[in-house]
Amino acid sequence: MIISSINPTSYAGMYKVIPKEGTSFFVRPEYLPGINFDLIDKDVEYNDSQTEIFLDAGLACVVELKAVAYLARCEQSRFGLNRKLTEKGFEKKYIMMALDLLESKNYLSDFRFSTAWLHSRKINHYEGRSRLLSELMSRGISKEISNQALDEFFEENDEIEICKKACEKLIKKGKTDEKLIAAMMQAGFSYKMIKLVLEK
């Protein structure tokens, strides 16, 4: 491959490569292992293995731009974003390259996703820590990150107050005695907390 030109784009850190033959594509220095980006110049001929690295970088950029489009709509988890990109038919190799870079730049954050999800969830649900932990982990969030997000969430939101609201809602639905306790435990509240709320 011989490059006719390589120029920066409006998207930070991404460059447009126009080869002498074939279609133009985008690259990032981070996606070009083994190639000194500062020495890339027009009219330099690259061998087959180097050309393959350039083309891999181009495909990783395509995936990155699609991932950024998803992130522009709302926070995403790595697990969820990986699934969406896989469903679009992108290869795992390029998905991993793009997601690693987005995480390194903090554009993609499981902790930030977890925090946003918890605050959204509380609007229509009254749930305790164990249920919320289970829900986050089912979305591909690690136990460590889930617990960090929950620690922060319950610093701002009193779990006992949430438990009271859950209890009131279930009583309105006709739950009493053992069925009420079972429903509250299913909602993620501890037996100790449930007994405390019911005694009050």
Protein backbone atom coordinates (compact mmCIF):
# COMPACT_ATOMS: atom_id res chain seq x y z
CA MET A 1 0.00 0.00 0.00
CA ILE A 2 1.15 3.51 -0.83
CA ILE A 3 -0.44 6.44 1.02
CA SER A 4 -1.41 9.55 -0.95
CA SER A 5 -2.29 11.57 2.14
CA ILE A 6 -3.01 11.28 5.86
CA ASN A 7 -4.76 14.15 7.63
CA PRO A 8 -6.33 14.78 11.05
CA THR A 9 -10.12 14.76 11.26
CA SER A 10 -12.55 16.72 13.44
CA TYR A 11 -12.76 13.65 15.69
CA ALA A 12 -9.91 13.95 18.21
CA GLY A 13 -6.99 11.62 17.57
CA MET A 14 -8.42 10.09 14.39
CA TYR A 15 -6.82 10.51 10.95
CA LYS A 16 -8.11 10.00 7.43
CA VAL A 17 -5.86 7.91 5.20
CA ILE A 18 -6.20 8.12 1.43
CA PRO A 19 -4.25 5.36 -0.31
CA LYS A 20 -3.12 5.63 -3.94
CA GLU A 21 -5.33 2.65 -4.70
CA GLY A 22 -8.51 1.63 -2.93
CA THR A 23 -10.94 3.32 -0.53
CA SER A 24 -10.01 5.89 2.09
CA PHE A 25 -10.30 4.92 5.77
CA PHE A 26 -9.63 6.22 9.27
CA VAL A 27 -6.87 5.26 11.71
CA ARG A 28 -5.68 6.07 15.21
CA PRO A 29 -2.06 5.86 16.39
CA GLU A 30 -3.29 3.59 19.23
CA TYR A 31 -4.55 1.06 16.67
CA LEU A 32 -1.22 0.84 14.81
CA PRO A 33 1.08 -1.47 16.83
CA GLY A 34 4.57 -1.74 15.36
CA ILE A 35 4.19 1.32 13.17
CA ASN A 36 5.77 4.64 14.15
CA PHE A 37 2.94 7.06 13.52
CA ASP A 38 5.28 10.08 13.35
CA LEU A 39 7.13 8.50 10.42
CA ILE A 40 4.01 7.86 8.30
CA ASP A 41 4.27 9.91 5.14
CA LYS A 42 2.79 10.03 1.68
CA ASP A 43 4.40 8.07 -1.17
CA VAL A 44 5.94 5.61 1.31
CA GLU A 45 5.24 2.00 0.33
CA TYR A 46 4.15 -0.36 3.10
CA ASN A 47 4.53 -4.14 2.87
CA ASP A 48 1.67 -6.62 3.22
CA SER A 49 1.96 -7.08 7.00
CA GLN A 50 2.08 -3.32 7.57
CA THR A 51 -0.85 -2.82 5.22
CA GLU A 52 -2.82 -5.36 7.26
CA ILE A 53 -2.13 -3.35 10.43
CA PHE A 54 -3.45 -0.22 8.70
CA LEU A 55 -6.59 -2.03 7.57
CA ASP A 56 -7.15 -3.47 11.07
CA ALA A 57 -6.89 0.07 12.44
CA GLY A 58 -9.45 1.21 9.90
CA LEU A 59 -11.92 -1.48 10.96
CA ALA A 60 -11.36 -0.68 14.64
CA CYS A 61 -12.18 2.97 13.88
CA VAL A 62 -15.44 1.96 12.21
CA VAL A 63 -16.42 0.05 15.36
CA GLU A 64 -15.31 2.92 17.60
CA LEU A 65 -17.47 5.43 15.75
CA LYS A 66 -20.51 3.15 16.04
CA ALA A 67 -19.82 2.64 19.76
CA VAL A 68 -19.53 6.40 20.28
CA ALA A 69 -22.91 6.85 18.58
CA TYR A 70 -24.44 4.49 21.16
CA LEU A 71 -22.66 6.30 24.01
CA ALA A 72 -23.95 9.65 22.77
CA ARG A 73 -27.50 8.44 23.45
CA CYS A 74 -26.93 7.20 27.00
CA GLU A 75 -24.39 5.51 29.29
CA GLN A 76 -23.52 1.97 28.24
CA SER A 77 -21.88 -0.96 30.02
CA ARG A 78 -19.00 -2.69 28.28
CA PHE A 79 -21.01 -5.93 28.27
CA GLY A 80 -24.07 -4.28 26.74
CA LEU A 81 -22.11 -2.31 24.17
CA ASN A 82 -20.16 -5.42 23.17
CA ARG A 83 -23.45 -7.27 22.64
CA LYS A 84 -24.92 -4.48 20.51
CA LEU A 85 -21.81 -4.26 18.33
CA THR A 86 -21.67 -8.04 17.94
CA GLU A 87 -25.31 -8.03 16.84
CA LYS A 88 -24.36 -5.46 14.19
CA GLY A 89 -21.93 -8.01 12.76
CA PHE A 90 -18.62 -6.48 13.82
CA GLU A 91 -15.71 -8.84 14.51
CA LYS A 92 -14.73 -9.46 18.13
CA LYS A 93 -11.11 -8.41 17.49
CA TYR A 94 -12.11 -4.91 16.41
CA ILE A 95 -14.77 -4.58 19.10
CA MET A 96 -12.16 -5.31 21.77
CA MET A 97 -9.72 -2.79 20.27
CA ALA A 98 -12.35 -0.07 20.22
CA LEU A 99 -13.81 -0.75 23.67
CA ASP A 100 -10.35 -0.93 25.26
CA LEU A 101 -9.55 2.50 23.84
CA LEU A 102 -12.89 4.00 24.90
CA GLU A 103 -12.41 2.68 28.43
CA SER A 104 -8.85 4.05 28.57
CA LYS A 105 -10.23 7.50 27.68
CA ASN A 106 -13.10 7.09 30.19
CA TYR A 107 -15.74 7.49 27.47
CA LEU A 108 -16.95 4.03 28.48
CA SER A 109 -17.35 3.30 32.21
CA ASP A 110 -19.15 0.42 33.92
CA PHE A 111 -19.20 2.43 37.15
CA ARG A 112 -20.81 5.44 35.48
CA PHE A 113 -23.32 3.17 33.74
CA SER A 114 -24.18 1.50 37.07
CA THR A 115 -24.72 4.85 38.78
CA ALA A 116 -26.98 6.08 35.97
CA TRP A 117 -28.91 2.79 35.92
CA LEU A 118 -29.51 2.84 39.68
CA HIS A 119 -30.88 6.39 39.61
CA SER A 120 -33.13 5.52 36.69
CA ARG A 121 -34.31 2.30 38.33
CA LYS A 122 -35.39 3.99 41.56
CA ILE A 123 -38.01 6.06 39.73
CA ASN A 124 -40.41 3.14 39.32
CA HIS A 125 -39.00 0.45 41.62
CA TYR A 126 -38.49 0.09 45.38
CA GLU A 127 -35.70 -2.46 45.76
CA GLY A 128 -33.06 -3.39 48.29
CA ARG A 129 -29.35 -3.85 47.89
CA SER A 130 -29.26 -7.58 47.14
CA ARG A 131 -31.83 -7.28 44.33
CA LEU A 132 -30.05 -4.28 42.81
CA LEU A 133 -26.72 -6.09 43.03
CA SER A 134 -28.21 -9.06 41.21
CA GLU A 135 -29.71 -6.81 38.52
CA LEU A 136 -26.40 -5.02 37.89
CA MET A 137 -24.43 -8.26 37.70
CA SER A 138 -27.00 -9.69 35.25
CA ARG A 139 -26.07 -6.72 33.03
CA GLY A 140 -22.42 -7.76 33.00
CA ILE A 141 -21.17 -5.46 35.75
CA SER A 142 -18.56 -6.98 38.04
CA LYS A 143 -19.44 -7.54 41.70
CA GLU A 144 -16.74 -5.08 42.77
CA ILE A 145 -17.98 -2.24 40.56
CA SER A 146 -21.61 -3.04 41.39
CA ASN A 147 -20.88 -2.75 45.11
CA GLN A 148 -18.99 0.52 44.63
CA ALA A 149 -21.96 1.99 42.76
CA LEU A 150 -24.39 0.68 45.39
CA ASP A 151 -22.30 2.15 48.23
CA GLU A 152 -22.54 5.55 46.57
CA PHE A 153 -26.24 5.09 45.78
CA PHE A 154 -27.18 4.23 49.37
CA GLU A 155 -25.18 7.17 50.70
CA GLU A 156 -27.71 9.35 48.87
CA ASN A 157 -30.78 7.12 49.29
CA ASP A 158 -31.89 5.67 52.64
CA GLU A 159 -32.52 1.95 52.15
CA ILE A 160 -34.88 1.85 55.14
CA GLU A 161 -37.03 4.56 53.54
CA ILE A 162 -37.06 2.64 50.29
CA CYS A 163 -38.04 -0.48 52.23
CA LYS A 164 -40.94 1.42 53.84
CA LYS A 165 -42.20 2.55 50.43
CA ALA A 166 -41.92 -0.99 49.09
CA CYS A 167 -43.89 -2.24 52.08
CA GLU A 168 -46.65 0.34 51.60
CA LYS A 169 -46.91 -0.47 47.90
CA LEU A 170 -47.18 -4.21 48.55
CA ILE A 171 -49.78 -3.74 51.29
CA LYS A 172 -51.89 -1.72 48.83
CA LYS A 173 -51.65 -4.70 46.50
CA GLY A 174 -53.10 -6.89 49.22
CA LYS A 175 -49.93 -8.57 50.52
CA THR A 176 -49.96 -9.47 54.21
CA ASP A 177 -48.05 -11.58 56.72
CA GLU A 178 -45.78 -14.24 55.16
CA LYS A 179 -46.64 -13.21 51.60
CA LEU A 180 -45.67 -9.61 52.37
CA ILE A 181 -42.34 -10.66 53.89
CA ALA A 182 -41.61 -13.02 50.99
CA ALA A 183 -42.35 -10.30 48.43
CA MET A 184 -40.12 -7.81 50.24
CA MET A 185 -37.27 -10.32 50.47
CA GLN A 186 -37.66 -10.97 46.75
CA ALA A 187 -37.34 -7.21 46.26
CA GLY A 188 -33.91 -7.43 47.87
CA PHE A 189 -34.44 -6.32 51.45
CA SER A 190 -32.94 -8.24 54.37
CA TYR A 191 -35.21 -10.03 56.82
CA LYS A 192 -33.81 -7.86 59.61
CA MET A 193 -34.70 -4.64 57.76
CA ILE A 194 -38.16 -5.93 56.86
CA LYS A 195 -38.91 -6.81 60.51
CA LEU A 196 -37.69 -3.37 61.59
CA VAL A 197 -39.98 -1.62 59.09
CA LEU A 198 -42.98 -3.80 59.95
CA GLU A 199 -42.53 -3.19 63.68
CA LYS A 200 -42.69 0.54 63.04
